[in-house]
Amino acid sequence: MKLLLVVACALIDADNRVLVSQRPEGKALAGLWEFPGGKLEAGERPEPALIRELHEELGIAVKEECLAPLTFASYAYPDFHLLMPLYICRRWEGTPASKEAQALKWVRPGKLRDLAMPPADEPLIPPLVDLLGA
């Protein structure tokens, strides 16, 4: 089974809300809410990959020292196994805006469970609630 490494980020605003994005139509798992991030390119480390993805998806600039690893998900989809570290970030430059036709939403950590999310993202919620509260 193919192993796919994907990085994700919980951007946390001053009110301790977390940014999630909705997968656009035409993509796998369309309509589900997820943490911003994406696949690593060949030879890329997780942190630079996440910085690149956040710039491409949201138009924000993040410095590597502003990323802190929190937890990870390991999930077996039918065609591949996903390994996804989740970083938290409280400081970035710019205002997050949709660059890839995805809807964005700031959500309180305790309300993340109310959103339809990919199964690999769901285990990432409890550590965020533990860190930030509901």
N, C-alpha and C. Protein backbone atom coordinates (compact mmCIF):
# COMPACT_ATOMS: atom_id res chain seq x y z
N MET A 1 0.85 -1.18 0.00
CA MET A 1 0.00 0.00 0.00
C MET A 1 0.89 1.24 0.00
N LYS A 2 0.54 2.20 -0.81
CA LYS A 2 1.31 3.43 -0.92
C LYS A 2 1.14 4.28 0.34
N LEU A 3 2.25 4.84 0.82
CA LEU A 3 2.23 5.75 1.96
C LEU A 3 2.27 7.17 1.44
N LEU A 4 1.29 7.97 1.83
CA LEU A 4 1.22 9.37 1.40
C LEU A 4 1.46 10.27 2.60
N LEU A 5 2.45 11.15 2.50
CA LEU A 5 2.74 12.09 3.57
C LEU A 5 2.17 13.45 3.20
N VAL A 6 1.29 13.95 4.06
CA VAL A 6 0.61 15.23 3.87
C VAL A 6 0.80 16.03 5.15
N VAL A 7 1.01 17.34 5.03
CA VAL A 7 1.13 18.19 6.21
C VAL A 7 -0.11 19.06 6.34
N ALA A 8 -0.50 19.37 7.57
CA ALA A 8 -1.66 20.20 7.83
C ALA A 8 -1.34 21.20 8.93
N CYS A 9 -2.12 22.28 8.95
CA CYS A 9 -1.87 23.33 9.93
C CYS A 9 -3.17 23.80 10.55
N ALA A 10 -3.16 23.97 11.86
CA ALA A 10 -4.25 24.63 12.57
C ALA A 10 -3.80 26.07 12.79
N LEU A 11 -4.28 26.95 11.93
CA LEU A 11 -4.03 28.39 12.13
C LEU A 11 -4.96 28.83 13.25
N ILE A 12 -4.41 29.48 14.27
CA ILE A 12 -5.18 29.87 15.44
C ILE A 12 -5.17 31.38 15.54
N ASP A 13 -6.36 31.99 15.56
CA ASP A 13 -6.44 33.45 15.64
C ASP A 13 -6.42 33.93 17.09
N ALA A 14 -6.51 35.23 17.29
CA ALA A 14 -6.43 35.83 18.62
C ALA A 14 -7.57 35.38 19.54
N ASP A 15 -8.69 34.92 18.96
CA ASP A 15 -9.83 34.44 19.75
C ASP A 15 -9.80 32.93 19.94
N ASN A 16 -8.65 32.30 19.65
CA ASN A 16 -8.48 30.84 19.76
C ASN A 16 -9.41 30.05 18.84
N ARG A 17 -9.76 30.67 17.70
CA ARG A 17 -10.51 29.94 16.68
C ARG A 17 -9.53 29.34 15.69
N VAL A 18 -9.95 28.26 15.03
CA VAL A 18 -9.11 27.51 14.09
C VAL A 18 -9.69 27.68 12.69
N LEU A 19 -8.82 27.90 11.71
CA LEU A 19 -9.26 28.05 10.32
C LEU A 19 -9.37 26.68 9.66
N VAL A 20 -10.51 26.43 9.03
CA VAL A 20 -10.69 25.23 8.22
C VAL A 20 -11.13 25.65 6.83
N SER A 21 -10.85 24.78 5.87
CA SER A 21 -11.24 25.05 4.49
C SER A 21 -12.08 23.89 3.98
N GLN A 22 -12.97 24.21 3.05
CA GLN A 22 -13.86 23.19 2.50
C GLN A 22 -13.30 22.72 1.16
N ARG A 23 -13.19 21.41 1.01
CA ARG A 23 -12.66 20.85 -0.24
C ARG A 23 -13.61 21.19 -1.38
N PRO A 24 -13.06 21.78 -2.46
CA PRO A 24 -13.92 22.22 -3.56
C PRO A 24 -14.45 21.07 -4.41
N GLU A 25 -15.52 21.35 -5.15
CA GLU A 25 -16.09 20.37 -6.07
C GLU A 25 -15.01 19.92 -7.05
N GLY A 26 -15.07 18.66 -7.43
CA GLY A 26 -14.11 18.11 -8.38
C GLY A 26 -12.92 17.44 -7.72
N LYS A 27 -12.72 17.67 -6.43
CA LYS A 27 -11.63 17.00 -5.70
C LYS A 27 -12.20 15.84 -4.90
N ALA A 28 -11.34 14.89 -4.57
CA ALA A 28 -11.76 13.79 -3.70
C ALA A 28 -12.26 14.38 -2.38
N LEU A 29 -13.28 13.78 -1.82
CA LEU A 29 -13.87 14.21 -0.54
C LEU A 29 -14.41 15.65 -0.62
N ALA A 30 -14.89 16.04 -1.80
CA ALA A 30 -15.44 17.40 -2.00
C ALA A 30 -16.52 17.70 -0.98
N GLY A 31 -16.52 18.94 -0.49
CA GLY A 31 -17.52 19.39 0.47
C GLY A 31 -17.15 19.19 1.92
N LEU A 32 -16.14 18.36 2.18
CA LEU A 32 -15.72 18.13 3.57
C LEU A 32 -14.78 19.25 4.02
N TRP A 33 -14.78 19.52 5.31
CA TRP A 33 -13.93 20.56 5.89
C TRP A 33 -12.63 19.93 6.36
N GLU A 34 -11.52 20.66 6.18
CA GLU A 34 -10.22 20.12 6.56
C GLU A 34 -9.30 21.24 7.02
N PHE A 35 -8.18 20.85 7.61
CA PHE A 35 -7.16 21.81 7.98
C PHE A 35 -6.33 22.12 6.74
N PRO A 36 -5.96 23.38 6.53
CA PRO A 36 -5.15 23.72 5.35
C PRO A 36 -3.82 22.97 5.36
N GLY A 37 -3.33 22.71 4.17
CA GLY A 37 -2.06 22.00 4.01
C GLY A 37 -2.04 21.27 2.69
N GLY A 38 -1.17 20.27 2.58
CA GLY A 38 -1.11 19.52 1.34
C GLY A 38 0.05 18.56 1.29
N LYS A 39 0.25 18.00 0.10
CA LYS A 39 1.26 16.97 -0.12
C LYS A 39 2.66 17.57 -0.16
N LEU A 40 3.60 16.76 0.26
CA LEU A 40 5.01 17.13 0.14
C LEU A 40 5.48 16.82 -1.28
N GLU A 41 6.33 17.68 -1.81
CA GLU A 41 6.96 17.41 -3.09
C GLU A 41 8.21 16.58 -2.84
N ALA A 42 8.73 15.94 -3.88
CA ALA A 42 9.91 15.09 -3.75
C ALA A 42 11.06 15.86 -3.10
N GLY A 43 11.64 15.28 -2.05
CA GLY A 43 12.78 15.89 -1.37
C GLY A 43 12.44 17.04 -0.44
N GLU A 44 11.17 17.33 -0.24
CA GLU A 44 10.74 18.47 0.58
C GLU A 44 10.54 18.03 2.03
N ARG A 45 10.98 18.87 2.95
CA ARG A 45 10.72 18.62 4.37
C ARG A 45 9.31 19.11 4.70
N PRO A 46 8.71 18.60 5.81
CA PRO A 46 7.34 18.98 6.13
C PRO A 46 7.13 20.48 6.35
N GLU A 47 8.02 21.13 7.08
CA GLU A 47 7.80 22.55 7.39
C GLU A 47 7.83 23.44 6.14
N PRO A 48 8.86 23.33 5.28
CA PRO A 48 8.82 24.13 4.04
C PRO A 48 7.61 23.79 3.16
N ALA A 49 7.20 22.53 3.15
CA ALA A 49 6.02 22.14 2.37
C ALA A 49 4.78 22.85 2.91
N LEU A 50 4.65 22.91 4.22
CA LEU A 50 3.48 23.57 4.81
C LEU A 50 3.52 25.07 4.55
N ILE A 51 4.68 25.67 4.66
CA ILE A 51 4.82 27.10 4.36
C ILE A 51 4.41 27.37 2.90
N ARG A 52 4.85 26.53 1.98
CA ARG A 52 4.49 26.67 0.56
C ARG A 52 2.99 26.51 0.37
N GLU A 53 2.42 25.46 0.97
CA GLU A 53 0.99 25.21 0.81
C GLU A 53 0.14 26.35 1.39
N LEU A 54 0.51 26.87 2.54
CA LEU A 54 -0.25 27.97 3.14
C LEU A 54 -0.20 29.22 2.27
N HIS A 55 0.94 29.44 1.63
CA HIS A 55 1.04 30.58 0.71
C HIS A 55 0.18 30.34 -0.53
N GLU A 56 0.25 29.14 -1.10
CA GLU A 56 -0.52 28.82 -2.31
C GLU A 56 -2.03 28.82 -2.04
N GLU A 57 -2.45 28.24 -0.94
CA GLU A 57 -3.88 28.09 -0.64
C GLU A 57 -4.51 29.35 -0.05
N LEU A 58 -3.76 30.05 0.81
CA LEU A 58 -4.34 31.13 1.60
C LEU A 58 -3.69 32.49 1.38
N GLY A 59 -2.56 32.53 0.68
CA GLY A 59 -1.88 33.79 0.42
C GLY A 59 -1.20 34.39 1.64
N ILE A 60 -0.86 33.57 2.62
CA ILE A 60 -0.19 34.09 3.82
C ILE A 60 1.26 33.63 3.85
N ALA A 61 2.07 34.39 4.57
CA ALA A 61 3.49 34.05 4.75
C ALA A 61 3.70 33.58 6.18
N VAL A 62 4.28 32.40 6.31
CA VAL A 62 4.54 31.80 7.62
C VAL A 62 6.03 31.51 7.71
N LYS A 63 6.61 31.82 8.86
CA LYS A 63 8.02 31.48 9.10
C LYS A 63 8.09 30.13 9.80
N GLU A 64 9.14 29.39 9.49
CA GLU A 64 9.28 28.04 10.04
C GLU A 64 9.26 28.03 11.57
N GLU A 65 9.86 29.05 12.20
CA GLU A 65 9.89 29.07 13.66
C GLU A 65 8.51 29.33 14.27
N CYS A 66 7.52 29.69 13.46
CA CYS A 66 6.15 29.91 13.95
C CYS A 66 5.29 28.65 13.85
N LEU A 67 5.86 27.57 13.34
CA LEU A 67 5.15 26.30 13.24
C LEU A 67 5.57 25.39 14.39
N ALA A 68 4.60 24.86 15.12
CA ALA A 68 4.89 23.94 16.22
C ALA A 68 4.11 22.65 16.00
N PRO A 69 4.80 21.50 15.96
CA PRO A 69 4.08 20.24 15.78
C PRO A 69 3.22 19.95 17.00
N LEU A 70 1.97 19.50 16.74
CA LEU A 70 1.06 19.20 17.84
C LEU A 70 0.76 17.70 17.92
N THR A 71 0.40 17.11 16.81
CA THR A 71 0.01 15.69 16.79
C THR A 71 0.09 15.20 15.35
N PHE A 72 -0.35 13.96 15.11
CA PHE A 72 -0.40 13.47 13.74
C PHE A 72 -1.54 12.48 13.61
N ALA A 73 -1.94 12.26 12.37
CA ALA A 73 -2.95 11.26 12.06
C ALA A 73 -2.32 10.19 11.18
N SER A 74 -2.73 8.95 11.39
CA SER A 74 -2.33 7.82 10.57
C SER A 74 -3.61 7.10 10.20
N TYR A 75 -3.94 7.12 8.91
CA TYR A 75 -5.24 6.60 8.49
C TYR A 75 -5.12 5.80 7.20
N ALA A 76 -5.74 4.62 7.17
CA ALA A 76 -5.71 3.76 5.99
C ALA A 76 -6.96 3.99 5.15
N TYR A 77 -6.78 4.70 4.03
CA TYR A 77 -7.84 4.80 3.03
C TYR A 77 -7.76 3.54 2.17
N PRO A 78 -8.76 3.26 1.34
CA PRO A 78 -8.73 2.02 0.54
C PRO A 78 -7.50 1.90 -0.38
N ASP A 79 -7.05 3.02 -0.96
CA ASP A 79 -5.97 2.96 -1.96
C ASP A 79 -4.60 3.38 -1.45
N PHE A 80 -4.52 3.97 -0.26
CA PHE A 80 -3.25 4.45 0.27
C PHE A 80 -3.36 4.63 1.77
N HIS A 81 -2.21 4.76 2.42
CA HIS A 81 -2.17 5.05 3.85
C HIS A 81 -1.68 6.48 4.01
N LEU A 82 -2.44 7.29 4.75
CA LEU A 82 -2.12 8.70 4.94
C LEU A 82 -1.44 8.91 6.28
N LEU A 83 -0.31 9.58 6.27
CA LEU A 83 0.37 10.01 7.48
C LEU A 83 0.39 11.53 7.43
N MET A 84 -0.21 12.18 8.45
CA MET A 84 -0.40 13.63 8.39
C MET A 84 -0.04 14.29 9.72
N PRO A 85 1.15 14.92 9.80
CA PRO A 85 1.45 15.72 10.99
C PRO A 85 0.61 17.00 10.98
N LEU A 86 0.15 17.41 12.16
CA LEU A 86 -0.59 18.65 12.32
C LEU A 86 0.27 19.63 13.11
N TYR A 87 0.50 20.78 12.52
CA TYR A 87 1.24 21.85 13.17
C TYR A 87 0.24 22.91 13.61
N ILE A 88 0.61 23.66 14.65
CA ILE A 88 -0.19 24.84 15.00
C ILE A 88 0.63 26.07 14.65
N CYS A 89 -0.10 27.14 14.34
CA CYS A 89 0.55 28.40 13.99
C CYS A 89 -0.33 29.53 14.49
N ARG A 90 0.27 30.43 15.26
CA ARG A 90 -0.46 31.58 15.79
C ARG A 90 -0.01 32.90 15.16
N ARG A 91 1.10 32.86 14.39
CA ARG A 91 1.62 34.10 13.79
C ARG A 91 1.90 33.89 12.32
N TRP A 92 1.40 34.80 11.50
CA TRP A 92 1.63 34.78 10.06
C TRP A 92 1.46 36.19 9.54
N GLU A 93 1.91 36.42 8.33
CA GLU A 93 1.76 37.72 7.68
C GLU A 93 0.69 37.61 6.61
N GLY A 94 -0.20 38.61 6.56
CA GLY A 94 -1.29 38.62 5.60
C GLY A 94 -2.58 38.14 6.23
N THR A 95 -3.64 38.24 5.44
CA THR A 95 -4.96 37.78 5.88
C THR A 95 -5.33 36.54 5.07
N PRO A 96 -5.61 35.42 5.74
CA PRO A 96 -5.97 34.22 4.99
C PRO A 96 -7.17 34.47 4.07
N ALA A 97 -7.01 34.10 2.82
CA ALA A 97 -8.07 34.27 1.81
C ALA A 97 -8.01 33.07 0.87
N SER A 98 -9.15 32.69 0.37
CA SER A 98 -9.24 31.53 -0.53
C SER A 98 -8.54 31.83 -1.85
N LYS A 99 -7.54 31.01 -2.19
CA LYS A 99 -6.81 31.15 -3.45
C LYS A 99 -7.12 30.00 -4.40
N GLU A 100 -7.84 28.97 -3.91
CA GLU A 100 -8.10 27.78 -4.73
C GLU A 100 -9.59 27.42 -4.71
N ALA A 101 -10.45 28.42 -4.67
CA ALA A 101 -11.91 28.25 -4.75
C ALA A 101 -12.49 27.45 -3.59
N GLN A 102 -11.79 27.43 -2.46
CA GLN A 102 -12.32 26.73 -1.30
C GLN A 102 -12.94 27.72 -0.33
N ALA A 103 -14.04 27.31 0.31
CA ALA A 103 -14.64 28.13 1.36
C ALA A 103 -13.77 28.05 2.61
N LEU A 104 -13.71 29.14 3.37
CA LEU A 104 -12.94 29.18 4.61
C LEU A 104 -13.87 29.52 5.76
N LYS A 105 -13.51 29.03 6.96
CA LYS A 105 -14.35 29.29 8.13
C LYS A 105 -13.47 29.24 9.37
N TRP A 106 -13.64 30.24 10.27
CA TRP A 106 -12.99 30.21 11.58
C TRP A 106 -13.95 29.53 12.55
N VAL A 107 -13.46 28.53 13.28
CA VAL A 107 -14.31 27.70 14.13
C VAL A 107 -13.67 27.53 15.51
N ARG A 108 -14.51 27.56 16.53
CA ARG A 108 -14.04 27.23 17.88
C ARG A 108 -13.68 25.74 17.90
N PRO A 109 -12.60 25.38 18.60
CA PRO A 109 -12.16 23.98 18.60
C PRO A 109 -13.26 22.98 18.94
N GLY A 110 -14.09 23.29 19.91
CA GLY A 110 -15.16 22.38 20.30
C GLY A 110 -16.23 22.20 19.24
N LYS A 111 -16.30 23.11 18.29
CA LYS A 111 -17.29 23.03 17.21
C LYS A 111 -16.76 22.29 15.99
N LEU A 112 -15.47 21.95 15.98
CA LEU A 112 -14.90 21.22 14.84
C LEU A 112 -15.61 19.88 14.64
N ARG A 113 -16.06 19.27 15.74
CA ARG A 113 -16.75 17.97 15.64
C ARG A 113 -18.09 18.09 14.92
N ASP A 114 -18.63 19.30 14.84
CA ASP A 114 -19.92 19.51 14.16
C ASP A 114 -19.78 19.57 12.64
N LEU A 115 -18.54 19.67 12.16
CA LEU A 115 -18.31 19.76 10.72
C LEU A 115 -18.07 18.37 10.13
N ALA A 116 -18.50 18.18 8.89
CA ALA A 116 -18.17 16.94 8.17
C ALA A 116 -16.72 17.07 7.71
N MET A 117 -15.86 16.19 8.23
CA MET A 117 -14.44 16.23 7.92
C MET A 117 -13.98 14.87 7.39
N PRO A 118 -12.87 14.85 6.62
CA PRO A 118 -12.34 13.55 6.20
C PRO A 118 -11.99 12.72 7.44
N PRO A 119 -12.10 11.40 7.34
CA PRO A 119 -11.81 10.57 8.52
C PRO A 119 -10.41 10.75 9.07
N ALA A 120 -9.44 11.08 8.23
CA ALA A 120 -8.07 11.28 8.71
C ALA A 120 -7.94 12.54 9.56
N ASP A 121 -8.81 13.53 9.36
CA ASP A 121 -8.72 14.78 10.12
C ASP A 121 -9.36 14.67 11.51
N GLU A 122 -10.33 13.78 11.66
CA GLU A 122 -11.08 13.70 12.92
C GLU A 122 -10.21 13.44 14.15
N PRO A 123 -9.17 12.56 14.09
CA PRO A 123 -8.36 12.34 15.29
C PRO A 123 -7.50 13.54 15.68
N LEU A 124 -7.43 14.54 14.83
CA LEU A 124 -6.64 15.73 15.13
C LEU A 124 -7.40 16.70 16.03
N ILE A 125 -8.70 16.52 16.13
CA ILE A 125 -9.53 17.47 16.90
C ILE A 125 -9.28 17.40 18.41
N PRO A 126 -9.28 16.22 19.06
CA PRO A 126 -9.09 16.21 20.52
C PRO A 126 -7.83 16.93 21.02
N PRO A 127 -6.66 16.77 20.37
CA PRO A 127 -5.51 17.52 20.87
C PRO A 127 -5.69 19.04 20.76
N LEU A 128 -6.42 19.49 19.74
CA LEU A 128 -6.69 20.93 19.61
C LEU A 128 -7.62 21.41 20.73
N VAL A 129 -8.63 20.61 21.04
CA VAL A 129 -9.55 20.97 22.13
C VAL A 129 -8.79 20.97 23.46
N ASP A 130 -7.91 19.98 23.67
CA ASP A 130 -7.10 19.94 24.89
C ASP A 130 -6.22 21.17 25.01
N LEU A 131 -5.65 21.62 23.90
CA LEU A 131 -4.75 22.77 23.89
C LEU A 131 -5.50 24.09 24.06
N LEU A 132 -6.60 24.24 23.34
CA LEU A 132 -7.27 25.54 23.25
C LEU A 132 -8.56 25.64 24.06
N GLY A 133 -9.10 24.52 24.49
CA GLY A 133 -10.40 24.52 25.14
C GLY A 133 -11.49 24.47 24.09
N ALA A 134 -12.72 24.37 24.54
CA ALA A 134 -13.84 24.26 23.61
C ALA A 134 -14.17 25.62 23.04
